[in-house]
Amino acid sequence: RADHRPSKLSGGERQRVAIARAIVGRPSLVLADEPTGNLDSTTGAQIIELFESLNRQDGLTVVVVTHEEFLFRHTSLSLRLEDGKLAGEQAP
């Protein structure tokens, strides 16, 4: 599917391509807005494992914005916003 135009890719395929493009240059910071939103649970878990591995091995910092509560177990710090204001901070 590498030769398909972006409009021909599914939402999940587009999401995986966006993540690959974000990390291919080995940045020190990735901002991820709902990185698992269009993915099935297995692929979403693989993406989170990838982020964790890159954090451990390369020191990559990943800032994730999400509504998925299961992701909180995979963070070193969680900030909760309510009505546009910081409403809580939690370390695992």
PDB file of N, CA and C in Angstrom:
ATOM      1  N   ARG A   1       0.813  -1.199   0.000  1.00  0.00           N
ATOM      2  CA  ARG A   1       0.000   0.000   0.000  1.00  0.00           C
ATOM      3  C   ARG A   1       0.851   1.256   0.000  1.00  0.00           C
ATOM      4  N   ALA A   2       2.142   1.075  -0.102  1.00  0.00           N
ATOM      5  CA  ALA A   2       3.045   2.225  -0.077  1.00  0.00           C
ATOM      6  C   ALA A   2       2.819   3.160  -1.258  1.00  0.00           C
ATOM      7  N   ASP A   3       2.283   2.623  -2.364  1.00  0.00           N
ATOM      8  CA  ASP A   3       2.075   3.475  -3.532  1.00  0.00           C
ATOM      9  C   ASP A   3       0.673   4.072  -3.588  1.00  0.00           C
ATOM     10  N   HIS A   4      -0.131   3.878  -2.559  1.00  0.00           N
ATOM     11  CA  HIS A   4      -1.471   4.457  -2.510  1.00  0.00           C
ATOM     12  C   HIS A   4      -1.406   5.929  -2.111  1.00  0.00           C
ATOM     13  N   ARG A   5      -2.292   6.722  -2.659  1.00  0.00           N
ATOM     14  CA  ARG A   5      -2.413   8.130  -2.280  1.00  0.00           C
ATOM     15  C   ARG A   5      -2.990   8.201  -0.869  1.00  0.00           C
ATOM     16  N   PRO A   6      -2.678   9.248  -0.113  1.00  0.00           N
ATOM     17  CA  PRO A   6      -3.196   9.363   1.257  1.00  0.00           C
ATOM     18  C   PRO A   6      -4.714   9.237   1.349  1.00  0.00           C
ATOM     19  N   SER A   7      -5.426   9.740   0.357  1.00  0.00           N
ATOM     20  CA  SER A   7      -6.891   9.668   0.395  1.00  0.00           C
ATOM     21  C   SER A   7      -7.407   8.236   0.269  1.00  0.00           C
ATOM     22  N   LYS A   8      -6.568   7.326  -0.190  1.00  0.00           N
ATOM     23  CA  LYS A   8      -6.964   5.926  -0.351  1.00  0.00           C
ATOM     24  C   LYS A   8      -6.639   5.079   0.876  1.00  0.00           C
ATOM     25  N   LEU A   9      -5.955   5.665   1.865  1.00  0.00           N
ATOM     26  CA  LEU A   9      -5.599   4.933   3.080  1.00  0.00           C
ATOM     27  C   LEU A   9      -6.717   5.048   4.108  1.00  0.00           C
ATOM     28  N   SER A  10      -6.849   4.036   4.935  1.00  0.00           N
ATOM     29  CA  SER A  10      -7.829   4.083   6.021  1.00  0.00           C
ATOM     30  C   SER A  10      -7.339   5.034   7.109  1.00  0.00           C
ATOM     31  N   GLY A  11      -8.219   5.374   8.040  1.00  0.00           N
ATOM     32  CA  GLY A  11      -7.837   6.241   9.154  1.00  0.00           C
ATOM     33  C   GLY A  11      -6.703   5.660   9.969  1.00  0.00           C
ATOM     34  N   GLY A  12      -6.761   4.356  10.224  1.00  0.00           N
ATOM     35  CA  GLY A  12      -5.700   3.703  10.985  1.00  0.00           C
ATOM     36  C   GLY A  12      -4.377   3.701  10.242  1.00  0.00           C
ATOM     37  N   GLU A  13      -4.439   3.484   8.914  1.00  0.00           N
ATOM     38  CA  GLU A  13      -3.213   3.509   8.113  1.00  0.00           C
ATOM     39  C   GLU A  13      -2.603   4.908   8.116  1.00  0.00           C
ATOM     40  N   ARG A  14      -3.444   5.915   7.998  1.00  0.00           N
ATOM     41  CA  ARG A  14      -2.947   7.296   8.039  1.00  0.00           C
ATOM     42  C   ARG A  14      -2.302   7.598   9.385  1.00  0.00           C
ATOM     43  N   GLN A  15      -2.934   7.092  10.451  1.00  0.00           N
ATOM     44  CA  GLN A  15      -2.405   7.330  11.794  1.00  0.00           C
ATOM     45  C   GLN A  15      -1.021   6.685  11.941  1.00  0.00           C
ATOM     46  N   ARG A  16      -0.876   5.462  11.477  1.00  0.00           N
ATOM     47  CA  ARG A  16       0.421   4.781  11.568  1.00  0.00           C
ATOM     48  C   ARG A  16       1.488   5.501  10.738  1.00  0.00           C
ATOM     49  N   VAL A  17       1.103   5.990   9.556  1.00  0.00           N
ATOM     50  CA  VAL A  17       2.043   6.747   8.726  1.00  0.00           C
ATOM     51  C   VAL A  17       2.465   8.026   9.448  1.00  0.00           C
ATOM     52  N   ALA A  18       1.517   8.711  10.069  1.00  0.00           N
ATOM     53  CA  ALA A  18       1.837   9.954  10.789  1.00  0.00           C
ATOM     54  C   ALA A  18       2.806   9.685  11.938  1.00  0.00           C
ATOM     55  N   ILE A  19       2.597   8.597  12.655  1.00  0.00           N
ATOM     56  CA  ILE A  19       3.495   8.248  13.762  1.00  0.00           C
ATOM     57  C   ILE A  19       4.884   7.915  13.224  1.00  0.00           C
ATOM     58  N   ALA A  20       4.939   7.147  12.149  1.00  0.00           N
ATOM     59  CA  ALA A  20       6.237   6.804  11.549  1.00  0.00           C
ATOM     60  C   ALA A  20       6.976   8.062  11.100  1.00  0.00           C
ATOM     61  N   ARG A  21       6.261   8.984  10.475  1.00  0.00           N
ATOM     62  CA  ARG A  21       6.892  10.227  10.025  1.00  0.00           C
ATOM     63  C   ARG A  21       7.381  11.054  11.205  1.00  0.00           C
ATOM     64  N   ALA A  22       6.653  10.997  12.320  1.00  0.00           N
ATOM     65  CA  ALA A  22       7.028  11.785  13.497  1.00  0.00           C
ATOM     66  C   ALA A  22       8.306  11.277  14.150  1.00  0.00           C
ATOM     67  N   ILE A  23       8.558   9.972  14.070  1.00  0.00           N
ATOM     68  CA  ILE A  23       9.713   9.416  14.790  1.00  0.00           C
ATOM     69  C   ILE A  23      10.904   9.081  13.902  1.00  0.00           C
ATOM     70  N   VAL A  24      10.734   9.104  12.594  1.00  0.00           N
ATOM     71  CA  VAL A  24      11.807   8.667  11.700  1.00  0.00           C
ATOM     72  C   VAL A  24      13.062   9.532  11.828  1.00  0.00           C
ATOM     73  N   GLY A  25      12.922  10.798  12.133  1.00  0.00           N
ATOM     74  CA  GLY A  25      14.074  11.687  12.261  1.00  0.00           C
ATOM     75  C   GLY A  25      14.713  11.670  13.639  1.00  0.00           C
ATOM     76  N   ARG A  26      14.253  10.749  14.499  1.00  0.00           N
ATOM     77  CA  ARG A  26      14.785  10.586  15.859  1.00  0.00           C
ATOM     78  C   ARG A  26      14.739  11.892  16.659  1.00  0.00           C
ATOM     79  N   PRO A  27      13.552  12.477  16.786  1.00  0.00           N
ATOM     80  CA  PRO A  27      13.437  13.716  17.556  1.00  0.00           C
ATOM     81  C   PRO A  27      13.574  13.442  19.049  1.00  0.00           C
ATOM     82  N   SER A  28      13.744  14.487  19.822  1.00  0.00           N
ATOM     83  CA  SER A  28      13.792  14.324  21.277  1.00  0.00           C
ATOM     84  C   SER A  28      12.404  14.476  21.889  1.00  0.00           C
ATOM     85  N   LEU A  29      11.447  15.030  21.117  1.00  0.00           N
ATOM     86  CA  LEU A  29      10.090  15.263  21.597  1.00  0.00           C
ATOM     87  C   LEU A  29       9.094  14.952  20.498  1.00  0.00           C
ATOM     88  N   VAL A  30       8.031  14.222  20.849  1.00  0.00           N
ATOM     89  CA  VAL A  30       6.914  13.972  19.943  1.00  0.00           C
ATOM     90  C   VAL A  30       5.648  14.430  20.648  1.00  0.00           C
ATOM     91  N   LEU A  31       4.839  15.234  19.958  1.00  0.00           N
ATOM     92  CA  LEU A  31       3.533  15.634  20.457  1.00  0.00           C
ATOM     93  C   LEU A  31       2.502  14.759  19.754  1.00  0.00           C
ATOM     94  N   ALA A  32       1.741  13.992  20.524  1.00  0.00           N
ATOM     95  CA  ALA A  32       0.820  13.010  19.945  1.00  0.00           C
ATOM     96  C   ALA A  32      -0.604  13.291  20.417  1.00  0.00           C
ATOM     97  N   ASP A  33      -1.456  13.726  19.504  1.00  0.00           N
ATOM     98  CA  ASP A  33      -2.857  14.011  19.801  1.00  0.00           C
ATOM     99  C   ASP A  33      -3.683  12.782  19.447  1.00  0.00           C
ATOM    100  N   GLU A  34      -4.171  12.086  20.460  1.00  0.00           N
ATOM    101  CA  GLU A  34      -4.962  10.860  20.281  1.00  0.00           C
ATOM    102  C   GLU A  34      -4.240   9.860  19.367  1.00  0.00           C
ATOM    103  N   PRO A  35      -3.024   9.439  19.717  1.00  0.00           N
ATOM    104  CA  PRO A  35      -2.246   8.579  18.820  1.00  0.00           C
ATOM    105  C   PRO A  35      -2.853   7.206  18.575  1.00  0.00           C
ATOM    106  N   THR A  36      -3.758   6.766  19.431  1.00  0.00           N
ATOM    107  CA  THR A  36      -4.372   5.450  19.241  1.00  0.00           C
ATOM    108  C   THR A  36      -5.836   5.563  18.832  1.00  0.00           C
ATOM    109  N   GLY A  37      -6.295   6.761  18.552  1.00  0.00           N
ATOM    110  CA  GLY A  37      -7.711   7.009  18.296  1.00  0.00           C
ATOM    111  C   GLY A  37      -8.318   6.231  17.145  1.00  0.00           C
ATOM    112  N   ASN A  38      -7.595   6.037  16.064  1.00  0.00           N
ATOM    113  CA  ASN A  38      -8.130   5.340  14.890  1.00  0.00           C
ATOM    114  C   ASN A  38      -7.590   3.927  14.749  1.00  0.00           C
ATOM    115  N   LEU A  39      -6.996   3.414  15.824  1.00  0.00           N
ATOM    116  CA  LEU A  39      -6.356   2.102  15.746  1.00  0.00           C
ATOM    117  C   LEU A  39      -7.124   1.067  16.552  1.00  0.00           C
ATOM    118  N   ASP A  40      -7.032  -0.191  16.126  1.00  0.00           N
ATOM    119  CA  ASP A  40      -7.605  -1.269  16.930  1.00  0.00           C
ATOM    120  C   ASP A  40      -6.755  -1.421  18.189  1.00  0.00           C
ATOM    121  N   SER A  41      -7.274  -2.140  19.166  1.00  0.00           N
ATOM    122  CA  SER A  41      -6.602  -2.209  20.469  1.00  0.00           C
ATOM    123  C   SER A  41      -5.213  -2.848  20.378  1.00  0.00           C
ATOM    124  N   THR A  42      -5.044  -3.835  19.522  1.00  0.00           N
ATOM    125  CA  THR A  42      -3.738  -4.489  19.386  1.00  0.00           C
ATOM    126  C   THR A  42      -2.703  -3.532  18.802  1.00  0.00           C
ATOM    127  N   THR A  43      -3.068  -2.849  17.729  1.00  0.00           N
ATOM    128  CA  THR A  43      -2.142  -1.906  17.104  1.00  0.00           C
ATOM    129  C   THR A  43      -1.880  -0.724  18.027  1.00  0.00           C
ATOM    130  N   GLY A  44      -2.912  -0.262  18.729  1.00  0.00           N
ATOM    131  CA  GLY A  44      -2.733   0.822  19.691  1.00  0.00           C
ATOM    132  C   GLY A  44      -1.736   0.448  20.769  1.00  0.00           C
ATOM    133  N   ALA A  45      -1.833  -0.776  21.268  1.00  0.00           N
ATOM    134  CA  ALA A  45      -0.889  -1.249  22.290  1.00  0.00           C
ATOM    135  C   ALA A  45       0.531  -1.309  21.725  1.00  0.00           C
ATOM    136  N   GLN A  46       0.663  -1.703  20.460  1.00  0.00           N
ATOM    137  CA  GLN A  46       1.988  -1.748  19.834  1.00  0.00           C
ATOM    138  C   GLN A  46       2.591  -0.349  19.714  1.00  0.00           C
ATOM    139  N   ILE A  47       1.767   0.638  19.414  1.00  0.00           N
ATOM    140  CA  ILE A  47       2.249   2.015  19.308  1.00  0.00           C
ATOM    141  C   ILE A  47       2.721   2.509  20.668  1.00  0.00           C
ATOM    142  N   ILE A  48       1.961   2.212  21.715  1.00  0.00           N
ATOM    143  CA  ILE A  48       2.352   2.624  23.065  1.00  0.00           C
ATOM    144  C   ILE A  48       3.650   1.925  23.469  1.00  0.00           C
ATOM    145  N   GLU A  49       3.778   0.638  23.144  1.00  0.00           N
ATOM    146  CA  GLU A  49       5.027  -0.085  23.423  1.00  0.00           C
ATOM    147  C   GLU A  49       6.198   0.545  22.672  1.00  0.00           C
ATOM    148  N   LEU A  50       5.963   0.961  21.436  1.00  0.00           N
ATOM    149  CA  LEU A  50       7.007   1.620  20.650  1.00  0.00           C
ATOM    150  C   LEU A  50       7.437   2.921  21.326  1.00  0.00           C
ATOM    151  N   PHE A  51       6.467   3.735  21.740  1.00  0.00           N
ATOM    152  CA  PHE A  51       6.795   4.986  22.433  1.00  0.00           C
ATOM    153  C   PHE A  51       7.593   4.712  23.704  1.00  0.00           C
ATOM    154  N   GLU A  52       7.165   3.709  24.476  1.00  0.00           N
ATOM    155  CA  GLU A  52       7.882   3.371  25.715  1.00  0.00           C
ATOM    156  C   GLU A  52       9.310   2.923  25.421  1.00  0.00           C
ATOM    157  N   SER A  53       9.481   2.111  24.405  1.00  0.00           N
ATOM    158  CA  SER A  53      10.806   1.622  24.026  1.00  0.00           C
ATOM    159  C   SER A  53      11.708   2.774  23.589  1.00  0.00           C
ATOM    160  N   LEU A  54      11.174   3.675  22.777  1.00  0.00           N
ATOM    161  CA  LEU A  54      11.959   4.821  22.323  1.00  0.00           C
ATOM    162  C   LEU A  54      12.299   5.748  23.487  1.00  0.00           C
ATOM    163  N   ASN A  55      11.417   5.819  24.465  1.00  0.00           N
ATOM    164  CA  ASN A  55      11.701   6.619  25.658  1.00  0.00           C
ATOM    165  C   ASN A  55      12.867   6.021  26.432  1.00  0.00           C
ATOM    166  N   ARG A  56      12.816   4.703  26.653  1.00  0.00           N
ATOM    167  CA  ARG A  56      13.875   4.029  27.414  1.00  0.00           C
ATOM    168  C   ARG A  56      15.211   4.052  26.675  1.00  0.00           C
ATOM    169  N   GLN A  57      15.186   3.728  25.395  1.00  0.00           N
ATOM    170  CA  GLN A  57      16.428   3.556  24.636  1.00  0.00           C
ATOM    171  C   GLN A  57      17.037   4.868  24.152  1.00  0.00           C
ATOM    172  N   ASP A  58      16.185   5.783  23.705  1.00  0.00           N
ATOM    173  CA  ASP A  58      16.679   7.005  23.065  1.00  0.00           C
ATOM    174  C   ASP A  58      16.371   8.274  23.849  1.00  0.00           C
ATOM    175  N   GLY A  59      15.645   8.144  24.957  1.00  0.00           N
ATOM    176  CA  GLY A  59      15.289   9.324  25.730  1.00  0.00           C
ATOM    177  C   GLY A  59      14.190  10.158  25.105  1.00  0.00           C
ATOM    178  N   LEU A  60      13.430   9.576  24.182  1.00  0.00           N
ATOM    179  CA  LEU A  60      12.338  10.293  23.531  1.00  0.00           C
ATOM    180  C   LEU A  60      11.281  10.677  24.559  1.00  0.00           C
ATOM    181  N   THR A  61      10.885  11.941  24.556  1.00  0.00           N
ATOM    182  CA  THR A  61       9.775  12.398  25.378  1.00  0.00           C
ATOM    183  C   THR A  61       8.542  12.442  24.494  1.00  0.00           C
ATOM    184  N   VAL A  62       7.451  11.840  24.955  1.00  0.00           N
ATOM    185  CA  VAL A  62       6.203  11.829  24.208  1.00  0.00           C
ATOM    186  C   VAL A  62       5.143  12.514  25.056  1.00  0.00           C
ATOM    187  N   VAL A  63       4.573  13.577  24.525  1.00  0.00           N
ATOM    188  CA  VAL A  63       3.460  14.260  25.175  1.00  0.00           C
ATOM    189  C   VAL A  63       2.202  13.797  24.453  1.00  0.00           C
ATOM    190  N   VAL A  64       1.305  13.150  25.195  1.00  0.00           N
ATOM    191  CA  VAL A  64       0.104  12.562  24.612  1.00  0.00           C
ATOM    192  C   VAL A  64      -1.126  13.288  25.138  1.00  0.00           C
ATOM    193  N   VAL A  65      -2.004  13.659  24.224  1.00  0.00           N
ATOM    194  CA  VAL A  65      -3.319  14.175  24.583  1.00  0.00           C
ATOM    195  C   VAL A  65      -4.295  13.065  24.235  1.00  0.00           C
ATOM    196  N   THR A  66      -5.098  12.635  25.217  1.00  0.00           N
ATOM    197  CA  THR A  66      -5.983  11.499  24.967  1.00  0.00           C
ATOM    198  C   THR A  66      -7.173  11.491  25.906  1.00  0.00           C
ATOM    199  N   HIS A  67      -8.193  10.758  25.498  1.00  0.00           N
ATOM    200  CA  HIS A  67      -9.333  10.451  26.357  1.00  0.00           C
ATOM    201  C   HIS A  67      -9.266   8.992  26.810  1.00  0.00           C
ATOM    202  N   GLU A  68      -8.282   8.257  26.321  1.00  0.00           N
ATOM    203  CA  GLU A  68      -8.136   6.833  26.607  1.00  0.00           C
ATOM    204  C   GLU A  68      -7.487   6.630  27.971  1.00  0.00           C
ATOM    205  N   GLU A  69      -8.258   6.215  28.951  1.00  0.00           N
ATOM    206  CA  GLU A  69      -7.734   6.071  30.308  1.00  0.00           C
ATOM    207  C   GLU A  69      -6.667   4.986  30.425  1.00  0.00           C
ATOM    208  N   PHE A  70      -6.705   3.960  29.580  1.00  0.00           N
ATOM    209  CA  PHE A  70      -5.706   2.893  29.679  1.00  0.00           C
ATOM    210  C   PHE A  70      -4.292   3.423  29.432  1.00  0.00           C
ATOM    211  N   LEU A  71      -4.162   4.535  28.723  1.00  0.00           N
ATOM    212  CA  LEU A  71      -2.838   5.090  28.448  1.00  0.00           C
ATOM    213  C   LEU A  71      -2.170   5.644  29.699  1.00  0.00           C
ATOM    214  N   PHE A  72      -2.947   6.005  30.695  1.00  0.00           N
ATOM    215  CA  PHE A  72      -2.376   6.584  31.916  1.00  0.00           C
ATOM    216  C   PHE A  72      -1.425   5.616  32.615  1.00  0.00           C
ATOM    217  N   ARG A  73      -1.660   4.319  32.474  1.00  0.00           N
ATOM    218  CA  ARG A  73      -0.779   3.315  33.093  1.00  0.00           C
ATOM    219  C   ARG A  73       0.608   3.311  32.464  1.00  0.00           C
ATOM    220  N   HIS A  74       0.732   3.930  31.315  1.00  0.00           N
ATOM    221  CA  HIS A  74       1.990   3.899  30.564  1.00  0.00           C
ATOM    222  C   HIS A  74       2.728   5.232  30.611  1.00  0.00           C
ATOM    223  N   THR A  75       2.381   6.077  31.555  1.00  0.00           N
ATOM    224  CA  THR A  75       3.006   7.393  31.618  1.00  0.00           C
ATOM    225  C   THR A  75       3.832   7.556  32.885  1.00  0.00           C
ATOM    226  N   SER A  76       4.775   8.467  32.835  1.00  0.00           N
ATOM    227  CA  SER A  76       5.527   8.799  34.048  1.00  0.00           C
ATOM    228  C   SER A  76       4.890   9.983  34.764  1.00  0.00           C
ATOM    229  N   LEU A  77       4.017  10.701  34.064  1.00  0.00           N
ATOM    230  CA  LEU A  77       3.296  11.821  34.660  1.00  0.00           C
ATOM    231  C   LEU A  77       2.027  12.048  33.861  1.00  0.00           C
ATOM    232  N   SER A  78       0.911  12.232  34.554  1.00  0.00           N
ATOM    233  CA  SER A  78      -0.366  12.526  33.902  1.00  0.00           C
ATOM    234  C   SER A  78      -0.901  13.840  34.439  1.00  0.00           C
ATOM    235  N   LEU A  79      -1.331  14.692  33.536  1.00  0.00           N
ATOM    236  CA  LEU A  79      -1.975  15.945  33.899  1.00  0.00           C
ATOM    237  C   LEU A  79      -3.406  15.889  33.392  1.00  0.00           C
ATOM    238  N   ARG A  80      -4.350  16.294  34.227  1.00  0.00           N
ATOM    239  CA  ARG A  80      -5.765  16.262  33.848  1.00  0.00           C
ATOM    240  C   ARG A  80      -6.269  17.689  33.723  1.00  0.00           C
ATOM    241  N   LEU A  81      -6.939  17.965  32.605  1.00  0.00           N
ATOM    242  CA  LEU A  81      -7.517  19.281  32.376  1.00  0.00           C
ATOM    243  C   LEU A  81      -9.028  19.203  32.481  1.00  0.00           C
ATOM    244  N   GLU A  82      -9.617  20.202  33.099  1.00  0.00           N
ATOM    245  CA  GLU A  82     -11.072  20.356  33.152  1.00  0.00           C
ATOM    246  C   GLU A  82     -11.398  21.803  32.866  1.00  0.00           C
ATOM    247  N   ASP A  83     -12.307  22.021  31.945  1.00  0.00           N
ATOM    248  CA  ASP A  83     -12.729  23.376  31.594  1.00  0.00           C
ATOM    249  C   ASP A  83     -11.542  24.277  31.268  1.00  0.00           C
ATOM    250  N   GLY A  84     -10.546  23.702  30.595  1.00  0.00           N
ATOM    251  CA  GLY A  84      -9.388  24.467  30.166  1.00  0.00           C
ATOM    252  C   GLY A  84      -8.377  24.789  31.245  1.00  0.00           C
ATOM    253  N   LYS A  85      -8.543  24.196  32.431  1.00  0.00           N
ATOM    254  CA  LYS A  85      -7.620  24.467  33.537  1.00  0.00           C
ATOM    255  C   LYS A  85      -7.044  23.169  34.076  1.00  0.00           C
ATOM    256  N   LEU A  86      -5.826  23.251  34.598  1.00  0.00           N
ATOM    257  CA  LEU A  86      -5.190  22.092  35.212  1.00  0.00           C
ATOM    258  C   LEU A  86      -5.994  21.673  36.436  1.00  0.00           C
ATOM    259  N   ALA A  87      -6.463  20.422  36.425  1.00  0.00           N
ATOM    260  CA  ALA A  87      -7.330  19.940  37.501  1.00  0.00           C
ATOM    261  C   ALA A  87      -6.680  18.840  38.324  1.00  0.00           C
ATOM    262  N   GLY A  88      -5.537  18.363  37.913  1.00  0.00           N
ATOM    263  CA  GLY A  88      -4.881  17.315  38.678  1.00  0.00           C
ATOM    264  C   GLY A  88      -3.597  16.854  38.034  1.00  0.00           C
ATOM    265  N   GLU A  89      -2.733  16.318  38.879  1.00  0.00           N
ATOM    266  CA  GLU A  89      -1.445  15.790  38.444  1.00  0.00           C
ATOM    267  C   GLU A  89      -1.234  14.476  39.162  1.00  0.00           C
ATOM    268  N   GLN A  90      -0.748  13.489  38.415  1.00  0.00           N
ATOM    269  CA  GLN A  90      -0.594  12.164  39.012  1.00  0.00           C
ATOM    270  C   GLN A  90       0.607  11.459  38.415  1.00  0.00           C
ATOM    271  N   ALA A  91       1.407  10.864  39.266  1.00  0.00           N
ATOM    272  CA  ALA A  91       2.499   9.997  38.828  1.00  0.00           C
ATOM    273  C   ALA A  91       2.070   8.565  39.106  1.00  0.00           C
ATOM    274  N   PRO A  92       2.451   7.623  38.231  1.00  0.00           N
ATOM    275  CA  PRO A  92       1.993   6.234  38.433  1.00  0.00           C
ATOM    276  C   PRO A  92       2.542   5.590  39.687  1.00  0.00           C
TER     277      PRO A  92
END
